[in-house]
């Protein structure tokens, strides 16, 4: 899950596994596999970095 900022200033948590595309036109639009679109304040690169960080965190999770 990643936290992003909607255009109205509110925060939203998005399931990174449902992200299909991220585009800047110039607003950043996240399109989910469900077809839902979310316009956010973060840049495309920032969203990409958040997803990479989330995936890295998931892959480093260990159960002892």
Protein backbone atom coordinates (compact mmCIF):
# COMPACT_ATOMS: atom_id res chain seq x y z
CA UNK A 1 0.00 0.00 0.00
CA UNK A 2 1.24 3.50 -0.78
CA UNK A 3 0.05 6.84 0.55
CA UNK A 4 -0.56 9.63 -1.98
CA UNK A 5 -2.15 13.08 -1.85
CA UNK A 6 -5.34 13.85 -3.74
CA UNK A 7 -5.68 17.24 -5.43
CA UNK A 8 -7.98 18.48 -2.64
CA UNK A 9 -5.17 17.88 -0.13
CA UNK A 10 -6.60 14.73 1.38
CA UNK A 11 -4.51 11.61 1.76
CA UNK A 12 -5.44 8.28 0.26
CA UNK A 13 -3.86 4.85 0.55
CA UNK A 14 -3.68 2.93 -2.72
CA UNK A 15 -3.06 -0.78 -3.18
CA UNK A 16 0.14 -0.71 -5.27
CA UNK A 17 -0.69 -4.13 -6.70
CA UNK A 18 -3.75 -2.64 -8.43
CA UNK A 19 -1.86 0.15 -10.25
CA UNK A 20 -1.98 -0.39 -13.99
CA UNK A 21 -0.54 2.92 -15.26
CA UNK A 22 0.74 6.25 -13.96
CA UNK A 23 0.82 9.22 -16.32
CA UNK A 24 1.52 12.96 -16.13
CA UNK A 25 -0.68 15.12 -18.34
CA UNK A 26 0.45 17.51 -16.52
CA UNK A 27 -1.51 16.22 -13.49
CA UNK A 28 -0.49 12.77 -12.32
CA UNK A 29 -3.21 10.20 -12.98
CA UNK A 30 -3.06 6.73 -11.44
CA UNK A 31 -5.19 4.19 -13.29
CA UNK A 32 -6.08 1.04 -11.38
CA UNK A 33 -6.80 -2.38 -12.87
CA UNK A 34 -10.44 -1.78 -11.91
CA UNK A 35 -10.56 1.17 -14.34
CA UNK A 36 -10.77 3.74 -11.54
CA UNK A 37 -8.60 6.83 -12.04
CA UNK A 38 -7.10 8.87 -9.20
CA UNK A 39 -5.53 12.31 -9.73
CA UNK A 40 -2.72 12.95 -7.24
CA UNK A 41 -0.25 15.73 -6.40
CA UNK A 42 2.83 13.48 -6.50
CA UNK A 43 4.79 13.28 -9.73
CA UNK A 44 4.92 10.10 -11.81
CA UNK A 45 8.48 9.53 -10.58
CA UNK A 46 7.44 9.97 -6.94
CA UNK A 47 4.66 7.40 -7.36
CA UNK A 48 7.12 5.05 -9.04
CA UNK A 49 9.55 5.47 -6.13
CA UNK A 50 6.78 4.83 -3.59
CA UNK A 51 5.84 1.58 -5.37
CA UNK A 52 9.48 0.49 -5.58
CA UNK A 53 9.95 1.20 -1.87
CA UNK A 54 6.75 -0.69 -1.01
CA UNK A 55 7.81 -3.73 -3.06
CA UNK A 56 11.28 -3.67 -1.52
CA UNK A 57 9.73 -3.58 1.94
CA UNK A 58 7.46 -6.52 1.07
CA UNK A 59 10.36 -8.56 -0.30
CA UNK A 60 12.51 -7.96 2.78
CA UNK A 61 9.81 -9.16 5.19
CA UNK A 62 10.99 -12.31 6.94
CA UNK A 63 9.29 -14.68 9.35
CA UNK A 64 11.73 -16.21 11.80
